PDB file of N, CA and C in Angstrom:
ATOM      1  N   UNK A   1      -0.108   7.419 -11.214  1.00  0.00           N
ATOM      2  CA  UNK A   1       0.914   6.293 -10.890  1.00  0.00           C
ATOM      3  C   UNK A   1       0.415   5.058 -10.113  1.00  0.00           C
ATOM      4  N   UNK A   2       0.787   4.053 -10.291  1.00  0.00           N
ATOM      5  CA  UNK A   2       0.451   3.163  -9.177  1.00  0.00           C
ATOM      6  C   UNK A   2       1.087   2.990  -8.391  1.00  0.00           C
ATOM      7  N   UNK A   3       0.988   2.209  -7.676  1.00  0.00           N
ATOM      8  CA  UNK A   3       1.659   1.897  -5.958  1.00  0.00           C
ATOM      9  C   UNK A   3       1.589   0.766  -5.199  1.00  0.00           C
ATOM     10  N   UNK A   4       1.968   0.114  -5.180  1.00  0.00           N
ATOM     11  CA  UNK A   4       1.742  -1.165  -4.611  1.00  0.00           C
ATOM     12  C   UNK A   4       1.670  -0.706  -2.535  1.00  0.00           C
ATOM     13  N   UNK A   5       0.400  -0.949  -2.501  1.00  0.00           N
ATOM     14  CA  UNK A   5       0.621  -0.683  -0.464  1.00  0.00           C
ATOM     15  C   UNK A   5       0.389  -2.068   0.228  1.00  0.00           C
ATOM     16  N   UNK A   6       0.754  -2.355   0.652  1.00  0.00           N
ATOM     17  CA  UNK A   6       1.519  -4.268   2.026  1.00  0.00           C
ATOM     18  C   UNK A   6       2.023  -3.078   3.221  1.00  0.00           C
ATOM     19  N   UNK A   7       0.862  -3.644   4.135  1.00  0.00           N
ATOM     20  CA  UNK A   7       0.532  -3.842   5.648  1.00  0.00           C
ATOM     21  C   UNK A   7       0.813  -4.956   6.468  1.00  0.00           C
ATOM     22  N   UNK A   8       1.160  -4.860   7.572  1.00  0.00           N
ATOM     23  CA  UNK A   8       1.320  -6.237   8.404  1.00  0.00           C
ATOM     24  C   UNK A   8       0.686  -4.783   9.553  1.00  0.00           C
ATOM     25  N   UNK A   9      -0.254  -6.472  10.407  1.00  0.00           N
ATOM     26  CA  UNK A   9      -0.833  -4.848  11.613  1.00  0.00           C
ATOM     27  C   UNK A   9       0.220  -5.460  13.000  1.00  0.00           C
ATOM     28  N   UNK A  10       0.241  -4.924  13.731  1.00  0.00           N
ATOM     29  CA  UNK A  10       1.476  -4.123  14.881  1.00  0.00           C
ATOM     30  C   UNK A  10       0.486  -5.261  16.109  1.00  0.00           C
ATOM     31  N   UNK A  11       2.018  -5.893  16.276  1.00  0.00           N
ATOM     32  CA  UNK A  11       1.334  -6.848  17.148  1.00  0.00           C
ATOM     33  C   UNK A  11       2.038  -6.395  19.058  1.00  0.00           C
ATOM     34  N   UNK A  12       1.408  -6.311  20.106  1.00  0.00           N
ATOM     35  CA  UNK A  12       1.501  -5.585  20.676  1.00  0.00           C
ATOM     36  C   UNK A  12       1.383  -5.529  22.177  1.00  0.00           C
ATOM     37  N   UNK A  13       1.442  -5.877  23.737  1.00  0.00           N
ATOM     38  CA  UNK A  13       1.305  -5.571  24.767  1.00  0.00           C
ATOM     39  C   UNK A  13       0.279  -7.685  24.678  1.00  0.00           C
ATOM     40  N   UNK A  14      -1.150  -7.418  26.107  1.00  0.00           N
ATOM     41  CA  UNK A  14      -1.740  -8.635  26.208  1.00  0.00           C
ATOM     42  C   UNK A  14      -2.473  -9.010  24.648  1.00  0.00           C
ATOM     43  N   UNK A  15      -2.831 -10.454  24.672  1.00  0.00           N
ATOM     44  CA  UNK A  15      -3.873 -10.897  24.051  1.00  0.00           C
ATOM     45  C   UNK A  15      -5.341  -9.789  23.774  1.00  0.00           C
ATOM     46  N   UNK A  16      -5.754  -9.246  25.509  1.00  0.00           N
ATOM     47  CA  UNK A  16      -6.737  -8.233  26.047  1.00  0.00           C
ATOM     48  C   UNK A  16      -6.606  -7.409  24.742  1.00  0.00           C
ATOM     49  N   UNK A  17      -5.446  -6.876  25.048  1.00  0.00           N
ATOM     50  CA  UNK A  17      -5.288  -5.091  24.873  1.00  0.00           C
ATOM     51  C   UNK A  17      -5.259  -5.335  23.009  1.00  0.00           C
ATOM     52  N   UNK A  18      -4.089  -6.271  22.571  1.00  0.00           N
ATOM     53  CA  UNK A  18      -4.767  -6.703  20.755  1.00  0.00           C
ATOM     54  C   UNK A  18      -6.180  -6.793  20.075  1.00  0.00           C
ATOM     55  N   UNK A  19      -6.847  -7.492  21.049  1.00  0.00           N
ATOM     56  CA  UNK A  19      -8.631  -7.399  21.008  1.00  0.00           C
ATOM     57  C   UNK A  19      -8.972  -6.524  20.874  1.00  0.00           C
ATOM     58  N   UNK A  20      -9.254  -5.337  21.623  1.00  0.00           N
ATOM     59  CA  UNK A  20      -9.236  -4.671  22.003  1.00  0.00           C
ATOM     60  C   UNK A  20      -8.877  -3.336  20.854  1.00  0.00           C
ATOM     61  N   UNK A  21      -7.573  -3.536  20.292  1.00  0.00           N
ATOM     62  CA  UNK A  21      -7.089  -2.325  19.084  1.00  0.00           C
ATOM     63  C   UNK A  21      -8.261  -3.173  17.846  1.00  0.00           C
ATOM     64  N   UNK A  22      -8.403  -4.296  18.151  1.00  0.00           N
ATOM     65  CA  UNK A  22      -8.836  -4.638  16.660  1.00  0.00           C
ATOM     66  C   UNK A  22      -9.932  -4.299  16.726  1.00  0.00           C
ATOM     67  N   UNK A  23     -10.792  -4.423  17.772  1.00  0.00           N
ATOM     68  CA  UNK A  23     -12.239  -4.046  17.634  1.00  0.00           C
ATOM     69  C   UNK A  23     -12.061  -2.106  17.249  1.00  0.00           C
ATOM     70  N   UNK A  24     -10.823  -1.817  18.377  1.00  0.00           N
ATOM     71  CA  UNK A  24     -10.795  -0.093  17.882  1.00  0.00           C
ATOM     72  C   UNK A  24     -10.868  -0.228  16.249  1.00  0.00           C
ATOM     73  N   UNK A  25     -10.110  -0.941  15.024  1.00  0.00           N
ATOM     74  CA  UNK A  25      -9.414  -0.780  13.861  1.00  0.00           C
ATOM     75  C   UNK A  25     -10.399  -1.179  13.426  1.00  0.00           C
ATOM     76  N   UNK A  26     -11.148  -2.029  12.920  1.00  0.00           N
ATOM     77  CA  UNK A  26     -12.542  -1.699  12.593  1.00  0.00           C
ATOM     78  C   UNK A  26     -13.893  -0.844  12.990  1.00  0.00           C
ATOM     79  N   UNK A  27     -13.896  -0.340  14.101  1.00  0.00           N
ATOM     80  CA  UNK A  27     -14.981   0.803  14.275  1.00  0.00           C
ATOM     81  C   UNK A  27     -13.968   1.813  12.941  1.00  0.00           C
ATOM     82  N   UNK A  28     -12.668   2.180  13.310  1.00  0.00           N
ATOM     83  CA  UNK A  28     -12.294   3.348  12.397  1.00  0.00           C
ATOM     84  C   UNK A  28     -12.438   3.316  11.188  1.00  0.00           C
ATOM     85  N   UNK A  29     -11.947   1.708  10.711  1.00  0.00           N
ATOM     86  CA  UNK A  29     -11.909   1.162   8.817  1.00  0.00           C
ATOM     87  C   UNK A  29     -13.531   1.418   8.986  1.00  0.00           C
ATOM     88  N   UNK A  30     -14.801   1.276   9.553  1.00  0.00           N
ATOM     89  CA  UNK A  30     -16.011   1.135   9.507  1.00  0.00           C
ATOM     90  C   UNK A  30     -16.289   2.727   8.733  1.00  0.00           C
ATOM     91  N   UNK A  31     -15.581   4.054   9.307  1.00  0.00           N
ATOM     92  CA  UNK A  31     -15.662   5.543   8.975  1.00  0.00           C
ATOM     93  C   UNK A  31     -14.783   5.537   8.484  1.00  0.00           C
ATOM     94  N   UNK A  32     -14.112   5.132   7.848  1.00  0.00           N
ATOM     95  CA  UNK A  32     -13.468   5.703   6.575  1.00  0.00           C
ATOM     96  C   UNK A  32     -14.072   5.748   5.161  1.00  0.00           C
ATOM     97  N   UNK A  33     -13.024   6.726   4.167  1.00  0.00           N
ATOM     98  CA  UNK A  33     -13.961   6.614   2.841  1.00  0.00           C
ATOM     99  C   UNK A  33     -12.643   6.903   2.582  1.00  0.00           C
ATOM    100  N   UNK A  34     -12.633   5.891   0.530  1.00  0.00           N
ATOM    101  CA  UNK A  34     -11.299   6.147   0.406  1.00  0.00           C
ATOM    102  C   UNK A  34     -11.225   7.276  -0.400  1.00  0.00           C
ATOM    103  N   UNK A  35      -9.762   7.620  -0.426  1.00  0.00           N
ATOM    104  CA  UNK A  35      -9.890   9.461  -1.499  1.00  0.00           C
ATOM    105  C   UNK A  35     -10.820   9.247  -2.757  1.00  0.00           C
ATOM    106  N   UNK A  36     -11.409  10.224  -3.162  1.00  0.00           N
ATOM    107  CA  UNK A  36     -11.716  10.124  -4.069  1.00  0.00           C
ATOM    108  C   UNK A  36     -10.641  10.239  -5.454  1.00  0.00           C
ATOM    109  N   UNK A  37      -9.547  10.569  -5.442  1.00  0.00           N
ATOM    110  CA  UNK A  37      -8.342  10.797  -6.120  1.00  0.00           C
ATOM    111  C   UNK A  37      -7.263   9.448  -6.400  1.00  0.00           C
ATOM    112  N   UNK A  38      -8.438   8.219  -5.602  1.00  0.00           N
ATOM    113  CA  UNK A  38      -6.958   7.097  -5.548  1.00  0.00           C
ATOM    114  C   UNK A  38      -8.177   6.031  -5.659  1.00  0.00           C
ATOM    115  N   UNK A  39      -8.156   5.283  -7.169  1.00  0.00           N
ATOM    116  CA  UNK A  39      -8.640   3.860  -7.378  1.00  0.00           C
ATOM    117  C   UNK A  39      -7.776   3.329  -6.969  1.00  0.00           C
ATOM    118  N   UNK A  40      -8.585   2.162  -6.761  1.00  0.00           N
ATOM    119  CA  UNK A  40      -8.305   0.799  -5.880  1.00  0.00           C
ATOM    120  C   UNK A  40      -8.078  -0.031  -6.951  1.00  0.00           C
ATOM    121  N   UNK A  41      -7.516  -0.494  -7.579  1.00  0.00           N
ATOM    122  CA  UNK A  41      -7.726  -1.688  -7.944  1.00  0.00           C
ATOM    123  C   UNK A  41      -7.645  -3.031  -7.658  1.00  0.00           C
ATOM    124  N   UNK A  42      -7.062  -3.316  -6.371  1.00  0.00           N
ATOM    125  CA  UNK A  42      -7.093  -4.270  -5.960  1.00  0.00           C
ATOM    126  C   UNK A  42      -6.871  -4.151  -4.183  1.00  0.00           C
ATOM    127  N   UNK A  43      -8.011  -4.819  -3.613  1.00  0.00           N
ATOM    128  CA  UNK A  43      -7.222  -4.627  -2.161  1.00  0.00           C
ATOM    129  C   UNK A  43      -7.942  -5.896  -1.407  1.00  0.00           C
ATOM    130  N   UNK A  44      -6.673  -6.354  -1.074  1.00  0.00           N
ATOM    131  CA  UNK A  44      -6.661  -7.554  -0.449  1.00  0.00           C
ATOM    132  C   UNK A  44      -6.434  -7.894   0.420  1.00  0.00           C
ATOM    133  N   UNK A  45      -6.665  -8.771   1.696  1.00  0.00           N
ATOM    134  CA  UNK A  45      -6.024  -9.193   3.067  1.00  0.00           C
ATOM    135  C   UNK A  45      -5.182 -10.547   2.570  1.00  0.00           C
ATOM    136  N   UNK A  46      -4.380 -10.919   3.683  1.00  0.00           N
ATOM    137  CA  UNK A  46      -3.691 -11.680   3.927  1.00  0.00           C
ATOM    138  C   UNK A  46      -4.771 -12.705   4.520  1.00  0.00           C
ATOM    139  N   UNK A  47      -4.293 -14.099   4.153  1.00  0.00           N
ATOM    140  CA  UNK A  47      -5.275 -15.703   4.556  1.00  0.00           C
ATOM    141  C   UNK A  47      -4.793 -15.359   6.007  1.00  0.00           C
ATOM    142  N   UNK A  48      -3.832 -15.422   6.410  1.00  0.00           N
ATOM    143  CA  UNK A  48      -2.852 -15.402   7.647  1.00  0.00           C
ATOM    144  C   UNK A  48      -3.693 -14.904   8.185  1.00  0.00           C
ATOM    145  N   UNK A  49      -4.139 -13.292   8.342  1.00  0.00           N
ATOM    146  CA  UNK A  49      -4.841 -12.623   9.400  1.00  0.00           C
ATOM    147  C   UNK A  49      -4.052 -11.871   9.379  1.00  0.00           C
ATOM    148  N   UNK A  50      -2.756 -11.328   9.191  1.00  0.00           N
ATOM    149  CA  UNK A  50      -1.319 -10.427   9.589  1.00  0.00           C
ATOM    150  C   UNK A  50      -1.771  -9.121   8.574  1.00  0.00           C
ATOM    151  N   UNK A  51      -2.231  -9.209   7.797  1.00  0.00           N
ATOM    152  CA  UNK A  51      -2.385  -7.791   7.245  1.00  0.00           C
ATOM    153  C   UNK A  51      -3.279  -8.378   5.894  1.00  0.00           C
ATOM    154  N   UNK A  52      -2.246  -7.277   4.654  1.00  0.00           N
ATOM    155  CA  UNK A  52      -2.806  -7.090   3.309  1.00  0.00           C
ATOM    156  C   UNK A  52      -2.063  -6.587   2.562  1.00  0.00           C
ATOM    157  N   UNK A  53      -2.750  -6.248   0.839  1.00  0.00           N
ATOM    158  CA  UNK A  53      -2.322  -5.538  -0.472  1.00  0.00           C
ATOM    159  C   UNK A  53      -3.133  -4.876  -1.060  1.00  0.00           C
ATOM    160  N   UNK A  54      -2.991  -3.701  -0.919  1.00  0.00           N
ATOM    161  CA  UNK A  54      -3.249  -3.046  -2.613  1.00  0.00           C
ATOM    162  C   UNK A  54      -2.868  -2.653  -3.590  1.00  0.00           C
ATOM    163  N   UNK A  55      -3.804  -2.838  -4.073  1.00  0.00           N
ATOM    164  CA  UNK A  55      -2.861  -1.816  -6.048  1.00  0.00           C
ATOM    165  C   UNK A  55      -3.307  -0.787  -6.303  1.00  0.00           C
ATOM    166  N   UNK A  56      -2.740   0.558  -5.947  1.00  0.00           N
ATOM    167  CA  UNK A  56      -4.259   1.301  -6.296  1.00  0.00           C
ATOM    168  C   UNK A  56      -3.122   2.707  -7.260  1.00  0.00           C
ATOM    169  N   UNK A  57      -3.849   3.196  -7.692  1.00  0.00           N
ATOM    170  CA  UNK A  57      -3.834   4.927  -8.688  1.00  0.00           C
ATOM    171  C   UNK A  57      -4.094   5.939  -7.978  1.00  0.00           C
ATOM    172  N   UNK A  58      -3.281   6.780  -8.711  1.00  0.00           N
ATOM    173  CA  UNK A  58      -3.473   8.131  -8.754  1.00  0.00           C
ATOM    174  C   UNK A  58      -2.356   8.853  -8.317  1.00  0.00           C
ATOM    175  N   UNK A  59      -2.799  10.323  -8.579  1.00  0.00           N
ATOM    176  CA  UNK A  59      -1.839  11.493  -9.061  1.00  0.00           C
ATOM    177  C   UNK A  59      -1.281  12.296  -7.640  1.00  0.00           C
ATOM    178  N   UNK A  60      -2.137  11.912  -6.238  1.00  0.00           N
ATOM    179  CA  UNK A  60      -1.771  12.380  -5.385  1.00  0.00           C
ATOM    180  C   UNK A  60      -1.591  11.016  -4.059  1.00  0.00           C
ATOM    181  N   UNK A  61       0.147  11.640  -4.026  1.00  0.00           N
ATOM    182  CA  UNK A  61       0.248  10.250  -3.092  1.00  0.00           C
ATOM    183  C   UNK A  61       0.054  11.249  -2.058  1.00  0.00           C
ATOM    184  N   UNK A  62      -0.100  12.162  -1.524  1.00  0.00           N
ATOM    185  CA  UNK A  62      -0.422  12.811  -0.640  1.00  0.00           C
ATOM    186  C   UNK A  62      -1.541  12.067   0.661  1.00  0.00           C
ATOM    187  N   UNK A  63      -2.474  12.093  -0.076  1.00  0.00           N
ATOM    188  CA  UNK A  63      -3.747  11.139  -0.537  1.00  0.00           C
ATOM    189  C   UNK A  63      -3.444  10.318   0.298  1.00  0.00           C
ATOM    190  N   UNK A  64      -2.645   9.293  -0.414  1.00  0.00           N
ATOM    191  CA  UNK A  64      -1.797   7.804   0.301  1.00  0.00           C
ATOM    192  C   UNK A  64      -1.774   8.352   0.998  1.00  0.00           C
ATOM    193  N   UNK A  65      -0.785   9.282   1.670  1.00  0.00           N
ATOM    194  CA  UNK A  65      -0.360   9.836   3.360  1.00  0.00           C
ATOM    195  C   UNK A  65      -0.760   9.530   3.719  1.00  0.00           C
ATOM    196  N   UNK A  66      -2.330  10.676   3.284  1.00  0.00           N
ATOM    197  CA  UNK A  66      -2.805  10.416   4.992  1.00  0.00           C
ATOM    198  C   UNK A  66      -4.333   9.471   5.177  1.00  0.00           C
ATOM    199  N   UNK A  67      -4.045   8.393   3.994  1.00  0.00           N
ATOM    200  CA  UNK A  67      -5.162   7.578   4.630  1.00  0.00           C
ATOM    201  C   UNK A  67      -4.298   5.981   5.540  1.00  0.00           C
ATOM    202  N   UNK A  68      -2.569   6.313   4.930  1.00  0.00           N
ATOM    203  CA  UNK A  68      -2.380   5.643   6.267  1.00  0.00           C
ATOM    204  C   UNK A  68      -1.787   5.588   7.059  1.00  0.00           C
ATOM    205  N   UNK A  69      -1.873   7.745   7.725  1.00  0.00           N
ATOM    206  CA  UNK A  69      -1.423   8.107   9.004  1.00  0.00           C
ATOM    207  C   UNK A  69      -3.559   7.424   9.895  1.00  0.00           C
ATOM    208  N   UNK A  70      -4.000   7.472   9.334  1.00  0.00           N
ATOM    209  CA  UNK A  70      -5.787   7.415   9.742  1.00  0.00           C
ATOM    210  C   UNK A  70      -4.869   5.839  10.597  1.00  0.00           C
ATOM    211  N   UNK A  71      -4.488   5.031  10.095  1.00  0.00           N
ATOM    212  CA  UNK A  71      -4.799   3.734  10.220  1.00  0.00           C
ATOM    213  C   UNK A  71      -2.901   3.433  10.697  1.00  0.00           C
ATOM    214  N   UNK A  72      -2.047   4.652  11.047  1.00  0.00           N
ATOM    215  CA  UNK A  72      -0.297   3.506  11.438  1.00  0.00           C
ATOM    216  C   UNK A  72      -0.859   3.611  13.078  1.00  0.00           C
ATOM    217  N   UNK A  73      -1.425   3.572  13.526  1.00  0.00           N
ATOM    218  CA  UNK A  73      -0.737   3.422  15.656  1.00  0.00           C
ATOM    219  C   UNK A  73      -1.495   1.452  15.085  1.00  0.00           C
ATOM    220  N   UNK A  74      -2.239   1.200  14.030  1.00  0.00           N
ATOM    221  CA  UNK A  74      -2.494  -0.552  14.327  1.00  0.00           C
ATOM    222  C   UNK A  74      -1.810  -1.527  12.899  1.00  0.00           C
ATOM    223  N   UNK A  75      -1.308  -0.413  12.014  1.00  0.00           N
ATOM    224  CA  UNK A  75      -0.911  -1.047  10.575  1.00  0.00           C
ATOM    225  C   UNK A  75       1.020  -0.631  10.609  1.00  0.00           C
ATOM    226  N   UNK A  76       1.854  -1.618   9.899  1.00  0.00           N
ATOM    227  CA  UNK A  76       3.585  -0.563   8.998  1.00  0.00           C
ATOM    228  C   UNK A  76       2.688  -0.905   8.086  1.00  0.00           C
ATOM    229  N   UNK A  77       2.795   0.454   6.996  1.00  0.00           N
ATOM    230  CA  UNK A  77       3.217   0.105   5.759  1.00  0.00           C
ATOM    231  C   UNK A  77       3.915   0.376   5.072  1.00  0.00           C
ATOM    232  N   UNK A  78       4.300  -0.263   3.766  1.00  0.00           N
ATOM    233  CA  UNK A  78       4.932   0.337   3.198  1.00  0.00           C
ATOM    234  C   UNK A  78       4.457   0.482   1.141  1.00  0.00           C
ATOM    235  N   UNK A  79       5.175   1.437   0.818  1.00  0.00           N
ATOM    236  CA  UNK A  79       4.489   1.743  -0.575  1.00  0.00           C
ATOM    237  C   UNK A  79       5.006   2.029  -1.421  1.00  0.00           C
ATOM    238  N   UNK A  80       5.395   1.392  -2.418  1.00  0.00           N
ATOM    239  CA  UNK A  80       5.842   0.956  -3.714  1.00  0.00           C
ATOM    240  C   UNK A  80       5.471   1.426  -4.878  1.00  0.00           C
ATOM    241  N   UNK A  81       6.255   2.803  -5.364  1.00  0.00           N
ATOM    242  CA  UNK A  81       5.500   2.979  -7.191  1.00  0.00           C
ATOM    243  C   UNK A  81       6.636   1.013  -8.075  1.00  0.00           C
ATOM    244  N   UNK A  82       5.185   1.109  -9.068  1.00  0.00           N
ATOM    245  CA  UNK A  82       5.058  -0.006  -9.242  1.00  0.00           C
ATOM    246  C   UNK A  82       5.083   0.709 -10.749  1.00  0.00           C
ATOM    247  N   UNK A  83       5.303  -0.344 -12.011  1.00  0.00           N
ATOM    248  CA  UNK A  83       4.920   0.126 -13.201  1.00  0.00           C
ATOM    249  C   UNK A  83       4.446  -0.968 -13.883  1.00  0.00           C
ATOM    250  N   UNK A  84       3.045  -0.665 -15.511  1.00  0.00           N
ATOM    251  CA  UNK A  84       3.056  -2.350 -15.808  1.00  0.00           C
ATOM    252  C   UNK A  84       4.018  -2.661 -16.405  1.00  0.00           C
ATOM    253  N   UNK A  85       4.272  -4.385 -16.069  1.00  0.00           N
ATOM    254  CA  UNK A  85       5.225  -4.537 -17.106  1.00  0.00           C
ATOM    255  C   UNK A  85       6.269  -4.588 -17.771  1.00  0.00           C
ATOM    256  N   UNK A  86       5.070  -3.864 -19.205  1.00  0.00           N
ATOM    257  CA  UNK A  86       5.649  -3.282 -20.340  1.00  0.00           C
ATOM    258  C   UNK A  86       6.135  -2.227 -20.299  1.00  0.00           C
ATOM    259  N   UNK A  87       5.960  -0.936 -19.428  1.00  0.00           N
ATOM    260  CA  UNK A  87       6.234   0.034 -19.180  1.00  0.00           C
ATOM    261  C   UNK A  87       7.852  -0.574 -18.403  1.00  0.00           C
ATOM    262  N   UNK A  88       7.308  -1.264 -17.491  1.00  0.00           N
ATOM    263  CA  UNK A  88       9.133  -1.639 -16.957  1.00  0.00           C
ATOM    264  C   UNK A  88      10.628  -2.494 -18.167  1.00  0.00           C
ATOM    265  N   UNK A  89       9.925  -3.027 -19.023  1.00  0.00           N
ATOM    266  CA  UNK A  89      10.644  -3.592 -20.255  1.00  0.00           C
ATOM    267  C   UNK A  89      10.923  -2.731 -21.066  1.00  0.00           C
ATOM    268  N   UNK A  90      10.048  -1.929 -21.512  1.00  0.00           N
ATOM    269  CA  UNK A  90      10.611  -0.977 -22.043  1.00  0.00           C
ATOM    270  C   UNK A  90      11.317   0.298 -21.319  1.00  0.00           C
ATOM    271  N   UNK A  91      10.910   0.561 -20.109  1.00  0.00           N
ATOM    272  CA  UNK A  91      12.484   1.771 -19.444  1.00  0.00           C
ATOM    273  C   UNK A  91      13.689   0.583 -19.602  1.00  0.00           C
ATOM    274  N   UNK A  92      14.041  -1.095 -18.981  1.00  0.00           N
ATOM    275  CA  UNK A  92      14.963  -1.486 -19.080  1.00  0.00           C
ATOM    276  C   UNK A  92      15.765  -2.060 -19.974  1.00  0.00           C
ATOM    277  N   UNK A  93      14.833  -1.682 -21.765  1.00  0.00           N
ATOM    278  CA  UNK A  93      15.873  -1.716 -22.943  1.00  0.00           C
ATOM    279  C   UNK A  93      16.229  -0.271 -23.295  1.00  0.00           C
ATOM    280  N   UNK A  94      15.624   0.471 -22.953  1.00  0.00           N
ATOM    281  CA  UNK A  94      16.321   1.888 -22.862  1.00  0.00           C
ATOM    282  C   UNK A  94      17.591   1.843 -22.412  1.00  0.00           C
ATOM    283  N   UNK A  95      17.462   1.717 -20.980  1.00  0.00           N
ATOM    284  CA  UNK A  95      19.027   1.330 -20.363  1.00  0.00           C
ATOM    285  C   UNK A  95      19.986   0.417 -20.978  1.00  0.00           C
ATOM    286  N   UNK A  96      19.780  -0.836 -21.518  1.00  0.00           N
ATOM    287  CA  UNK A  96      20.268  -1.177 -21.979  1.00  0.00           C
ATOM    288  C   UNK A  96      20.725  -0.702 -23.632  1.00  0.00           C
ATOM    289  N   UNK A  97      20.154  -0.134 -24.271  1.00  0.00           N
ATOM    290  CA  UNK A  97      20.204   0.351 -25.527  1.00  0.00           C
ATOM    291  C   UNK A  97      21.106   1.744 -25.369  1.00  0.00           C
ATOM    292  N   UNK A  98      21.326   2.577 -23.973  1.00  0.00           N
ATOM    293  CA  UNK A  98      22.254   3.005 -23.688  1.00  0.00           C
ATOM    294  C   UNK A  98      23.446   2.765 -23.504  1.00  0.00           C
ATOM    295  N   UNK A  99      23.505   2.070 -22.409  1.00  0.00           N
ATOM    296  CA  UNK A  99      24.149   1.887 -22.229  1.00  0.00           C
ATOM    297  C   UNK A  99      25.365   1.183 -23.838  1.00  0.00           C
ATOM    298  N   UNK A 100      25.094   0.589 -23.990  1.00  0.00           N
ATOM    299  CA  UNK A 100      25.188  -0.014 -25.833  1.00  0.00           C
ATOM    300  C   UNK A 100      25.795   0.533 -26.484  1.00  0.00           C
ATOM    301  N   UNK A 101      25.378   1.835 -26.421  1.00  0.00           N
ATOM    302  CA  UNK A 101      25.723   3.039 -27.535  1.00  0.00           C
ATOM    303  C   UNK A 101      26.839   3.630 -27.004  1.00  0.00           C
ATOM    304  N   UNK A 102      27.307   3.302 -25.886  1.00  0.00           N
ATOM    305  CA  UNK A 102      28.918   3.814 -25.261  1.00  0.00           C
ATOM    306  C   UNK A 102      29.936   3.172 -25.416  1.00  0.00           C
ATOM    307  N   UNK A 103      30.884   3.923 -26.193  1.00  0.00           N
ATOM    308  CA  UNK A 103      31.995   2.563 -26.771  1.00  0.00           C
ATOM    309  C   UNK A 103      32.794   3.204 -26.073  1.00  0.00           C
TER     310      UNK A 103
END
């Protein structure tokens, strides 16, 4: 299954506290290894520095949960399951056909 993961960095405390948190985040990130079960199709940072996005594929959503747990003190995450557009259109067409079959 494919997922779009988005995150925004948490904002709190003084500038000095936020700079310390950013330093800690980079230290934690430098030791992190992506789970073998997750394919990262895209891993993107926002230009404004406030967060980022990933397009990932995995059969193990628990591995995504473990990854976000490692970075939860630093960011708020949203994870949305997604389909390739051709599959989404097929599902929409099947829904239309179903509804039209009911008289």
